[in-house]
Amino acid sequence: YTEASPCGACRQVMAEYETRYGNEITVFCYLNGGRIRKIKGVKSLL
């Protein structure tokens, strides 16, 4: 398992889902070494 983060197109799609449903989406990304990053809201990514 290795680090992965959403591309720009995926971030834009997630942003639209936040708008569509009126709620922030929490994003979890696996990081190298087994750590996990938790990001509150797509606006932090885009």
All heavy atoms as atom14 arrays in JSON, in Angstrom:
{
  "sequence": "YTEASPCGACRQVMAEYETRYGNEITVFCYLNGGRIRKIKGVKSLL",
  "atom14_mask": [
    [1, 1, 1, 1, 1, 1, 1, 1, 1, 1, 1, 1, 0, 0],
    [1, 1, 1, 1, 1, 1, 1, 0, 0, 0, 0, 0, 0, 0],
    [1, 1, 1, 1, 1, 1, 1, 1, 1, 0, 0, 0, 0, 0],
    [1, 1, 1, 1, 1, 0, 0, 0, 0, 0, 0, 0, 0, 0],
    [1, 1, 1, 1, 1, 1, 0, 0, 0, 0, 0, 0, 0, 0],
    [1, 1, 1, 1, 1, 1, 1, 0, 0, 0, 0, 0, 0, 0],
    [1, 1, 1, 1, 1, 1, 0, 0, 0, 0, 0, 0, 0, 0],
    [1, 1, 1, 1, 0, 0, 0, 0, 0, 0, 0, 0, 0, 0],
    [1, 1, 1, 1, 1, 0, 0, 0, 0, 0, 0, 0, 0, 0],
    [1, 1, 1, 1, 1, 1, 0, 0, 0, 0, 0, 0, 0, 0],
    [1, 1, 1, 1, 1, 1, 1, 1, 1, 1, 1, 0, 0, 0],
    [1, 1, 1, 1, 1, 1, 1, 1, 1, 0, 0, 0, 0, 0],
    [1, 1, 1, 1, 1, 1, 1, 0, 0, 0, 0, 0, 0, 0],
    [1, 1, 1, 1, 1, 1, 1, 1, 0, 0, 0, 0, 0, 0],
    [1, 1, 1, 1, 1, 0, 0, 0, 0, 0, 0, 0, 0, 0],
    [1, 1, 1, 1, 1, 1, 1, 1, 1, 0, 0, 0, 0, 0],
    [1, 1, 1, 1, 1, 1, 1, 1, 1, 1, 1, 1, 0, 0],
    [1, 1, 1, 1, 1, 1, 1, 1, 1, 0, 0, 0, 0, 0],
    [1, 1, 1, 1, 1, 1, 1, 0, 0, 0, 0, 0, 0, 0],
    [1, 1, 1, 1, 1, 1, 1, 1, 1, 1, 1, 0, 0, 0],
    [1, 1, 1, 1, 1, 1, 1, 1, 1, 1, 1, 1, 0, 0],
    [1, 1, 1, 1, 0, 0, 0, 0, 0, 0, 0, 0, 0, 0],
    [1, 1, 1, 1, 1, 1, 1, 1, 0, 0, 0, 0, 0, 0],
    [1, 1, 1, 1, 1, 1, 1, 1, 1, 0, 0, 0, 0, 0],
    [1, 1, 1, 1, 1, 1, 1, 1, 0, 0, 0, 0, 0, 0],
    [1, 1, 1, 1, 1, 1, 1, 0, 0, 0, 0, 0, 0, 0],
    [1, 1, 1, 1, 1, 1, 1, 0, 0, 0, 0, 0, 0, 0],
    [1, 1, 1, 1, 1, 1, 1, 1, 1, 1, 1, 0, 0, 0],
    [1, 1, 1, 1, 1, 1, 0, 0, 0, 0, 0, 0, 0, 0],
    [1, 1, 1, 1, 1, 1, 1, 1, 1, 1, 1, 1, 0, 0],
    [1, 1, 1, 1, 1, 1, 1, 1, 0, 0, 0, 0, 0, 0],
    [1, 1, 1, 1, 1, 1, 1, 1, 0, 0, 0, 0, 0, 0],
    [1, 1, 1, 1, 0, 0, 0, 0, 0, 0, 0, 0, 0, 0],
    [1, 1, 1, 1, 0, 0, 0, 0, 0, 0, 0, 0, 0, 0],
    [1, 1, 1, 1, 1, 1, 1, 1, 1, 1, 1, 0, 0, 0],
    [1, 1, 1, 1, 1, 1, 1, 1, 0, 0, 0, 0, 0, 0],
    [1, 1, 1, 1, 1, 1, 1, 1, 1, 1, 1, 0, 0, 0],
    [1, 1, 1, 1, 1, 1, 1, 1, 1, 0, 0, 0, 0, 0],
    [1, 1, 1, 1, 1, 1, 1, 1, 0, 0, 0, 0, 0, 0],
    [1, 1, 1, 1, 1, 1, 1, 1, 1, 0, 0, 0, 0, 0],
    [1, 1, 1, 1, 0, 0, 0, 0, 0, 0, 0, 0, 0, 0],
    [1, 1, 1, 1, 1, 1, 1, 0, 0, 0, 0, 0, 0, 0],
    [1, 1, 1, 1, 1, 1, 1, 1, 1, 0, 0, 0, 0, 0],
    [1, 1, 1, 1, 1, 1, 0, 0, 0, 0, 0, 0, 0, 0],
    [1, 1, 1, 1, 1, 1, 1, 1, 0, 0, 0, 0, 0, 0],
    [1, 1, 1, 1, 1, 1, 1, 1, 0, 0, 0, 0, 0, 0]
  ],
  "atom14_positions": [
    [[0.85, -1.18, 0.0], [0.0, 0.0, 0.0], [0.88, 1.23, 0.0], [1.95, 1.24, 0.61], [-0.93, 0.0, 1.21], [-1.95, -1.1, 1.14], [-1.91, -2.16, 2.03], [-2.94, -1.1, 0.16], [-2.83, -3.19, 1.95], [-3.86, -2.13, 0.07], [-3.8, -3.16, 0.97], [-4.7, -4.18, 0.89], [0.0, 0.0, 0.0], [0.0, 0.0, 0.0]],
    [[0.42, 2.26, -0.7], [1.23, 3.45, -0.84], [0.35, 4.69, -0.87], [-0.87, 4.61, -1.02], [2.12, 3.35, -2.1], [3.02, 4.44, -2.12], [1.28, 3.34, -3.37], [0.0, 0.0, 0.0], [0.0, 0.0, 0.0], [0.0, 0.0, 0.0], [0.0, 0.0, 0.0], [0.0, 0.0, 0.0], [0.0, 0.0, 0.0], [0.0, 0.0, 0.0]],
    [[0.99, 5.81, -0.76], [0.31, 7.09, -0.7], [-0.49, 7.36, -1.97], [-0.03, 7.11, -3.08], [1.35, 8.19, -0.49], [0.77, 9.51, -0.11], [1.81, 10.44, 0.51], [2.77, 9.95, 1.14], [1.63, 11.66, 0.35], [0.0, 0.0, 0.0], [0.0, 0.0, 0.0], [0.0, 0.0, 0.0], [0.0, 0.0, 0.0], [0.0, 0.0, 0.0]],
    [[-1.68, 7.91, -1.79], [-2.52, 8.31, -2.91], [-3.33, 9.54, -2.49], [-3.75, 9.64, -1.33], [-3.46, 7.18, -3.32], [0.0, 0.0, 0.0], [0.0, 0.0, 0.0], [0.0, 0.0, 0.0], [0.0, 0.0, 0.0], [0.0, 0.0, 0.0], [0.0, 0.0, 0.0], [0.0, 0.0, 0.0], [0.0, 0.0, 0.0], [0.0, 0.0, 0.0]],
    [[-3.5, 10.44, -3.42], [-4.25, 11.67, -3.18], [-5.08, 11.95, -4.42], [-4.64, 11.67, -5.53], [-3.27, 12.82, -2.91], [-3.95, 14.01, -2.63], [0.0, 0.0, 0.0], [0.0, 0.0, 0.0], [0.0, 0.0, 0.0], [0.0, 0.0, 0.0], [0.0, 0.0, 0.0], [0.0, 0.0, 0.0], [0.0, 0.0, 0.0], [0.0, 0.0, 0.0]],
    [[-6.28, 12.51, -4.25], [-7.13, 12.73, -5.43], [-6.57, 13.77, -6.39], [-5.99, 14.77, -5.99], [-8.45, 13.21, -4.82], [-8.13, 13.66, -3.45], [-6.92, 12.92, -3.01], [0.0, 0.0, 0.0], [0.0, 0.0, 0.0], [0.0, 0.0, 0.0], [0.0, 0.0, 0.0], [0.0, 0.0, 0.0], [0.0, 0.0, 0.0], [0.0, 0.0, 0.0]],
    [[-6.76, 13.51, -7.69], [-6.34, 14.45, -8.73], [-7.29, 15.65, -8.74], [-8.31, 15.67, -8.04], [-6.32, 13.76, -10.1], [-7.96, 13.4, -10.77], [0.0, 0.0, 0.0], [0.0, 0.0, 0.0], [0.0, 0.0, 0.0], [0.0, 0.0, 0.0], [0.0, 0.0, 0.0], [0.0, 0.0, 0.0], [0.0, 0.0, 0.0], [0.0, 0.0, 0.0]],
    [[-6.98, 16.63, -9.54], [-7.8, 17.83, -9.62], [-9.23, 17.56, -10.06], [-10.18, 18.13, -9.51], [0.0, 0.0, 0.0], [0.0, 0.0, 0.0], [0.0, 0.0, 0.0], [0.0, 0.0, 0.0], [0.0, 0.0, 0.0], [0.0, 0.0, 0.0], [0.0, 0.0, 0.0], [0.0, 0.0, 0.0], [0.0, 0.0, 0.0], [0.0, 0.0, 0.0]],
    [[-9.4, 16.69, -11.06], [-10.75, 16.37, -11.53], [-11.58, 15.72, -10.42], [-12.75, 16.04, -10.23], [-10.68, 15.47, -12.75], [0.0, 0.0, 0.0], [0.0, 0.0, 0.0], [0.0, 0.0, 0.0], [0.0, 0.0, 0.0], [0.0, 0.0, 0.0], [0.0, 0.0, 0.0], [0.0, 0.0, 0.0], [0.0, 0.0, 0.0], [0.0, 0.0, 0.0]],
    [[-10.96, 14.81, -9.67], [-11.67, 14.15, -8.57], [-12.01, 15.15, -7.46], [-13.09, 15.09, -6.87], [-10.84, 12.99, -8.02], [-10.77, 11.59, -9.17], [0.0, 0.0, 0.0], [0.0, 0.0, 0.0], [0.0, 0.0, 0.0], [0.0, 0.0, 0.0], [0.0, 0.0, 0.0], [0.0, 0.0, 0.0], [0.0, 0.0, 0.0], [0.0, 0.0, 0.0]],
    [[-11.11, 16.07, -7.19], [-11.37, 17.1, -6.18], [-12.56, 17.96, -6.6], [-13.41, 18.3, -5.78], [-10.12, 17.96, -5.97], [-9.0, 17.19, -5.31], [-7.71, 17.98, -5.24], [-6.61, 17.1, -4.84], [-5.58, 17.47, -4.12], [-5.45, 18.73, -3.73], [-4.65, 16.6, -3.79], [0.0, 0.0, 0.0], [0.0, 0.0, 0.0], [0.0, 0.0, 0.0]],
    [[-12.63, 18.29, -7.88], [-13.76, 19.1, -8.36], [-15.07, 18.33, -8.25], [-16.09, 18.89, -7.87], [-13.51, 19.55, -9.8], [-14.58, 20.48, -10.34], [-14.71, 21.77, -9.55], [-13.76, 22.49, -9.37], [-15.9, 22.05, -9.04], [0.0, 0.0, 0.0], [0.0, 0.0, 0.0], [0.0, 0.0, 0.0], [0.0, 0.0, 0.0], [0.0, 0.0, 0.0]],
    [[-15.06, 17.05, -8.57], [-16.27, 16.23, -8.43], [-16.69, 16.15, -6.97], [-17.87, 16.31, -6.64], [-16.05, 14.82, -9.04], [-17.18, 13.87, -8.65], [-15.93, 14.91, -10.56], [0.0, 0.0, 0.0], [0.0, 0.0, 0.0], [0.0, 0.0, 0.0], [0.0, 0.0, 0.0], [0.0, 0.0, 0.0], [0.0, 0.0, 0.0], [0.0, 0.0, 0.0]],
    [[-15.72, 15.96, -6.06], [-16.05, 15.93, -4.63], [-16.64, 17.26, -4.18], [-17.6, 17.3, -3.4], [-14.82, 15.58, -3.8], [-14.4, 14.13, -3.94], [-13.09, 13.65, -2.79], [-11.67, 14.39, -3.55], [0.0, 0.0, 0.0], [0.0, 0.0, 0.0], [0.0, 0.0, 0.0], [0.0, 0.0, 0.0], [0.0, 0.0, 0.0], [0.0, 0.0, 0.0]],
    [[-16.1, 18.37, -4.7], [-16.62, 19.69, -4.34], [-18.08, 19.83, -4.77], [-18.91, 20.4, -4.04], [-15.77, 20.78, -4.99], [0.0, 0.0, 0.0], [0.0, 0.0, 0.0], [0.0, 0.0, 0.0], [0.0, 0.0, 0.0], [0.0, 0.0, 0.0], [0.0, 0.0, 0.0], [0.0, 0.0, 0.0], [0.0, 0.0, 0.0], [0.0, 0.0, 0.0]],
    [[-18.41, 19.29, -5.94], [-19.8, 19.37, -6.39], [-20.72, 18.55, -5.5], [-21.85, 18.95, -5.22], [-19.92, 18.91, -7.84], [-21.35, 18.97, -8.33], [-21.54, 19.77, -9.59], [-20.62, 20.47, -10.03], [-22.63, 19.69, -10.15], [0.0, 0.0, 0.0], [0.0, 0.0, 0.0], [0.0, 0.0, 0.0], [0.0, 0.0, 0.0], [0.0, 0.0, 0.0]],
    [[-20.24, 17.4, -5.02], [-21.05, 16.6, -4.11], [-21.28, 17.34, -2.78], [-22.34, 17.23, -2.18], [-20.44, 15.22, -3.87], [-20.81, 14.25, -4.97], [-20.01, 14.11, -6.09], [-21.97, 13.48, -4.89], [-20.34, 13.24, -7.12], [-22.32, 12.62, -5.92], [-21.5, 12.5, -7.03], [-21.85, 11.64, -8.04], [0.0, 0.0, 0.0], [0.0, 0.0, 0.0]],
    [[-20.28, 18.09, -2.33], [-20.48, 18.91, -1.13], [-21.59, 19.94, -1.38], [-22.47, 20.12, -0.53], [-19.19, 19.63, -0.73], [-18.19, 18.76, -0.03], [-17.02, 19.55, 0.56], [-16.76, 20.7, 0.13], [-16.38, 18.99, 1.46], [0.0, 0.0, 0.0], [0.0, 0.0, 0.0], [0.0, 0.0, 0.0], [0.0, 0.0, 0.0], [0.0, 0.0, 0.0]],
    [[-21.55, 20.59, -2.52], [-22.58, 21.58, -2.86], [-23.94, 20.9, -3.0], [-24.94, 21.39, -2.48], [-22.22, 22.3, -4.17], [-20.96, 22.96, -4.0], [-23.28, 23.31, -4.56], [0.0, 0.0, 0.0], [0.0, 0.0, 0.0], [0.0, 0.0, 0.0], [0.0, 0.0, 0.0], [0.0, 0.0, 0.0], [0.0, 0.0, 0.0], [0.0, 0.0, 0.0]],
    [[-23.95, 19.79, -3.69], [-25.21, 19.08, -3.95], [-25.93, 18.71, -2.66], [-27.15, 18.86, -2.57], [-24.9, 17.82, -4.77], [-26.09, 16.95, -5.07], [-25.69, 15.77, -5.92], [-26.8, 14.87, -6.14], [-26.71, 13.72, -6.79], [-25.55, 13.37, -7.33], [-27.75, 12.95, -6.93], [0.0, 0.0, 0.0], [0.0, 0.0, 0.0], [0.0, 0.0, 0.0]],
    [[-25.19, 18.21, -1.68], [-25.82, 17.73, -0.45], [-25.71, 18.72, 0.71], [-26.29, 18.49, 1.77], [-25.24, 16.37, -0.05], [-25.61, 15.29, -1.05], [-24.67, 14.79, -1.93], [-26.91, 14.81, -1.11], [-25.01, 13.8, -2.85], [-27.26, 13.83, -2.03], [-26.3, 13.33, -2.9], [-26.65, 12.37, -3.8], [0.0, 0.0, 0.0], [0.0, 0.0, 0.0]],
    [[-24.96, 19.8, 0.53], [-24.86, 20.81, 1.58], [-24.1, 20.37, 2.81], [-24.41, 20.81, 3.92], [0.0, 0.0, 0.0], [0.0, 0.0, 0.0], [0.0, 0.0, 0.0], [0.0, 0.0, 0.0], [0.0, 0.0, 0.0], [0.0, 0.0, 0.0], [0.0, 0.0, 0.0], [0.0, 0.0, 0.0], [0.0, 0.0, 0.0], [0.0, 0.0, 0.0]],
    [[-23.11, 19.5, 2.62], [-22.29, 19.07, 3.77], [-20.84, 18.87, 3.34], [-20.57, 18.59, 2.18], [-22.83, 17.76, 4.36], [-22.66, 16.59, 3.43], [-23.23, 16.55, 2.36], [-21.85, 15.63, 3.82], [0.0, 0.0, 0.0], [0.0, 0.0, 0.0], [0.0, 0.0, 0.0], [0.0, 0.0, 0.0], [0.0, 0.0, 0.0], [0.0, 0.0, 0.0]],
    [[-19.94, 19.05, 4.3], [-18.53, 18.8, 4.04], [-18.26, 17.3, 3.95], [-18.87, 16.52, 4.68], [-17.66, 19.38, 5.14], [-17.54, 20.87, 5.11], [-16.53, 21.38, 6.12], [-16.38, 20.77, 7.19], [-15.91, 22.41, 5.83], [0.0, 0.0, 0.0], [0.0, 0.0, 0.0], [0.0, 0.0, 0.0], [0.0, 0.0, 0.0], [0.0, 0.0, 0.0]],
    [[-17.36, 16.95, 3.08], [-16.93, 15.56, 2.94], [-15.56, 15.43, 3.61], [-14.65, 16.21, 3.33], [-16.84, 15.15, 1.46], [-18.22, 15.21, 0.81], [-16.22, 13.76, 1.32], [-18.21, 15.0, -0.7], [0.0, 0.0, 0.0], [0.0, 0.0, 0.0], [0.0, 0.0, 0.0], [0.0, 0.0, 0.0], [0.0, 0.0, 0.0], [0.0, 0.0, 0.0]],
    [[-15.43, 14.46, 4.48], [-14.14, 14.16, 5.09], [-13.37, 13.25, 4.14], [-13.91, 12.26, 3.65], [-14.33, 13.48, 6.46], [-15.1, 14.35, 7.3], [-12.99, 13.19, 7.11], [0.0, 0.0, 0.0], [0.0, 0.0, 0.0], [0.0, 0.0, 0.0], [0.0, 0.0, 0.0], [0.0, 0.0, 0.0], [0.0, 0.0, 0.0], [0.0, 0.0, 0.0]],
    [[-12.11, 13.61, 3.89], [-11.28, 12.85, 2.95], [-10.15, 12.18, 3.73], [-9.42, 12.85, 4.46], [-10.68, 13.77, 1.86], [-9.84, 12.97, 0.88], [-11.79, 14.54, 1.14], [0.0, 0.0, 0.0], [0.0, 0.0, 0.0], [0.0, 0.0, 0.0], [0.0, 0.0, 0.0], [0.0, 0.0, 0.0], [0.0, 0.0, 0.0], [0.0, 0.0, 0.0]],
    [[-10.02, 10.87, 3.58], [-8.95, 10.11, 4.21], [-8.0, 9.63, 3.12], [-8.42, 8.99, 2.16], [-9.5, 8.89, 4.95], [-10.38, 9.23, 6.12], [-11.76, 9.29, 5.98], [-9.83, 9.5, 7.36], [-12.58, 9.61, 7.05], [-10.64, 9.83, 8.44], [-12.01, 9.88, 8.28], [0.0, 0.0, 0.0], [0.0, 0.0, 0.0], [0.0, 0.0, 0.0]],
    [[-6.73, 9.94, 3.26], [-5.71, 9.51, 2.3], [-4.67, 8.66, 3.01], [-4.13, 9.07, 4.04], [-5.02, 10.72, 1.67], [-6.09, 11.75, 0.69], [0.0, 0.0, 0.0], [0.0, 0.0, 0.0], [0.0, 0.0, 0.0], [0.0, 0.0, 0.0], [0.0, 0.0, 0.0], [0.0, 0.0, 0.0], [0.0, 0.0, 0.0], [0.0, 0.0, 0.0]],
    [[-4.42, 7.5, 2.45], [-3.37, 6.63, 2.97], [-2.02, 7.28, 2.69], [-1.78, 7.8, 1.61], [-3.45, 5.26, 2.3], [-2.5, 4.25, 2.87], [-2.91, 3.42, 3.91], [-1.2, 4.11, 2.39], [-2.04, 2.48, 4.44], [-0.33, 3.18, 2.92], [-0.76, 2.36, 3.96], [0.1, 1.45, 4.49], [0.0, 0.0, 0.0], [0.0, 0.0, 0.0]],
    [[-1.14, 7.25, 3.67], [0.21, 7.78, 3.53], [1.21, 6.65, 3.67], [0.93, 5.63, 4.3], [0.49, 8.85, 4.59], [-0.48, 10.03, 4.65], [-0.16, 10.91, 5.84], [-0.44, 10.81, 3.36], [0.0, 0.0, 0.0], [0.0, 0.0, 0.0], [0.0, 0.0, 0.0], [0.0, 0.0, 0.0], [0.0, 0.0, 0.0], [0.0, 0.0, 0.0]],
    [[2.39, 6.81, 3.11], [3.42, 5.78, 3.22], [3.69, 5.48, 4.68], [3.63, 6.35, 5.55], [4.7, 6.23, 2.51], [4.51, 6.3, 1.01], [3.67, 5.6, 0.45], [5.29, 7.12, 0.34], [0.0, 0.0, 0.0], [0.0, 0.0, 0.0], [0.0, 0.0, 0.0], [0.0, 0.0, 0.0], [0.0, 0.0, 0.0], [0.0, 0.0, 0.0]],
    [[3.97, 4.21, 4.95], [4.26, 3.79, 6.32], [3.03, 3.45, 7.13], [3.13, 3.18, 8.32], [0.0, 0.0, 0.0], [0.0, 0.0, 0.0], [0.0, 0.0, 0.0], [0.0, 0.0, 0.0], [0.0, 0.0, 0.0], [0.0, 0.0, 0.0], [0.0, 0.0, 0.0], [0.0, 0.0, 0.0], [0.0, 0.0, 0.0], [0.0, 0.0, 0.0]],
    [[1.85, 3.48, 6.51], [0.63, 3.1, 7.22], [-0.08, 4.22, 7.93], [-1.09, 3.99, 8.6], [0.0, 0.0, 0.0], [0.0, 0.0, 0.0], [0.0, 0.0, 0.0], [0.0, 0.0, 0.0], [0.0, 0.0, 0.0], [0.0, 0.0, 0.0], [0.0, 0.0, 0.0], [0.0, 0.0, 0.0], [0.0, 0.0, 0.0], [0.0, 0.0, 0.0]],
    [[0.42, 5.43, 7.79], [-0.28, 6.57, 8.41], [-1.47, 6.97, 7.53], [-1.52, 6.64, 6.35], [0.66, 7.76, 8.58], [1.81, 7.49, 9.57], [2.78, 8.62, 9.6], [2.93, 8.95, 8.23], [3.27, 10.09, 7.63], [3.58, 11.01, 8.19], [3.34, 10.31, 6.38], [0.0, 0.0, 0.0], [0.0, 0.0, 0.0], [0.0, 0.0, 0.0]],
    [[-2.39, 7.71, 8.11], [-3.57, 8.17, 7.38], [-3.76, 9.65, 7.66], [-3.67, 10.09, 8.8], [-4.84, 7.39, 7.81], [-4.72, 5.9, 7.46], [-6.08, 7.97, 7.13], [-4.31, 5.06, 8.58], [0.0, 0.0, 0.0], [0.0, 0.0, 0.0], [0.0, 0.0, 0.0], [0.0, 0.0, 0.0], [0.0, 0.0, 0.0], [0.0, 0.0, 0.0]],
    [[-4.02, 10.4, 6.59], [-4.32, 11.83, 6.73], [-5.83, 12.01, 6.62], [-6.46, 11.49, 5.71], [-3.62, 12.64, 5.65], [-3.89, 14.14, 5.75], [-3.06, 14.92, 4.76], [-1.65, 14.82, 5.14], [-0.66, 14.62, 4.28], [-0.9, 14.52, 2.99], [0.59, 14.52, 4.71], [0.0, 0.0, 0.0], [0.0, 0.0, 0.0], [0.0, 0.0, 0.0]],
    [[-6.4, 12.76, 7.55], [-7.83, 13.08, 7.55], [-7.97, 14.56, 7.24], [-7.46, 15.4, 7.97], [-8.44, 12.77, 8.93], [-9.88, 13.18, 9.07], [-10.36, 12.94, 10.51], [-11.78, 13.41, 10.7], [-12.22, 13.2, 12.1], [0.0, 0.0, 0.0], [0.0, 0.0, 0.0], [0.0, 0.0, 0.0], [0.0, 0.0, 0.0], [0.0, 0.0, 0.0]],
    [[-8.66, 14.87, 6.15], [-8.85, 16.25, 5.72], [-10.33, 16.58, 5.84], [-11.18, 15.87, 5.29], [-8.37, 16.45, 4.26], [-6.89, 16.04, 4.14], [-8.57, 17.88, 3.8], [-6.6, 15.19, 2.97], [0.0, 0.0, 0.0], [0.0, 0.0, 0.0], [0.0, 0.0, 0.0], [0.0, 0.0, 0.0], [0.0, 0.0, 0.0], [0.0, 0.0, 0.0]],
    [[-10.63, 17.65, 6.53], [-12.03, 18.05, 6.73], [-12.45, 19.0, 5.63], [-12.02, 20.15, 5.6], [-12.18, 18.7, 8.12], [-13.6, 19.05, 8.45], [-14.46, 17.81, 8.59], [-15.84, 18.2, 9.08], [-16.86, 17.29, 8.64], [0.0, 0.0, 0.0], [0.0, 0.0, 0.0], [0.0, 0.0, 0.0], [0.0, 0.0, 0.0], [0.0, 0.0, 0.0]],
    [[-13.25, 18.53, 4.73], [-13.8, 19.37, 3.68], [-12.93, 19.46, 2.45], [-11.72, 19.59, 2.53], [0.0, 0.0, 0.0], [0.0, 0.0, 0.0], [0.0, 0.0, 0.0], [0.0, 0.0, 0.0], [0.0, 0.0, 0.0], [0.0, 0.0, 0.0], [0.0, 0.0, 0.0], [0.0, 0.0, 0.0], [0.0, 0.0, 0.0], [0.0, 0.0, 0.0]],
    [[-13.57, 19.4, 1.3], [-12.87, 19.44, 0.03], [-12.25, 20.81, -0.24], [-11.24, 20.92, -0.92], [-13.8, 19.0, -1.13], [-13.13, 19.09, -2.47], [-14.3, 17.57, -0.88], [0.0, 0.0, 0.0], [0.0, 0.0, 0.0], [0.0, 0.0, 0.0], [0.0, 0.0, 0.0], [0.0, 0.0, 0.0], [0.0, 0.0, 0.0], [0.0, 0.0, 0.0]],
    [[-12.79, 21.86, 0.34], [-12.21, 23.2, 0.15], [-10.76, 23.25, 0.64], [-9.98, 24.07, 0.16], [-13.06, 24.27, 0.82], [-14.34, 24.57, 0.06], [-14.95, 25.87, 0.48], [-16.27, 26.15, -0.16], [-16.27, 26.26, -1.58], [0.0, 0.0, 0.0], [0.0, 0.0, 0.0], [0.0, 0.0, 0.0], [0.0, 0.0, 0.0], [0.0, 0.0, 0.0]],
    [[-10.4, 22.39, 1.57], [-9.0, 22.32, 2.01], [-8.11, 21.77, 0.91], [-6.92, 22.07, 0.86], [-8.87, 21.45, 3.27], [-9.42, 22.1, 4.39], [0.0, 0.0, 0.0], [0.0, 0.0, 0.0], [0.0, 0.0, 0.0], [0.0, 0.0, 0.0], [0.0, 0.0, 0.0], [0.0, 0.0, 0.0], [0.0, 0.0, 0.0], [0.0, 0.0, 0.0]],
    [[-8.68, 20.95, 0.03], [-7.93, 20.37, -1.08], [-8.04, 21.18, -2.36], [-7.18, 21.11, -3.22], [-8.44, 18.95, -1.37], [-8.16, 17.89, -0.32], [-8.91, 16.61, -0.68], [-6.68, 17.64, -0.2], [0.0, 0.0, 0.0], [0.0, 0.0, 0.0], [0.0, 0.0, 0.0], [0.0, 0.0, 0.0], [0.0, 0.0, 0.0], [0.0, 0.0, 0.0]],
    [[-9.13, 21.93, -2.47], [-9.41, 22.68, -3.69], [-10.05, 24.02, -3.31], [-11.25, 24.21, -3.44], [-10.35, 21.87, -4.6], [-10.61, 22.42, -6.0], [-9.36, 22.34, -6.86], [-11.74, 21.66, -6.65], [0.0, 0.0, 0.0], [0.0, 0.0, 0.0], [0.0, 0.0, 0.0], [0.0, 0.0, 0.0], [0.0, 0.0, 0.0], [0.0, 0.0, 0.0]]
  ]
}
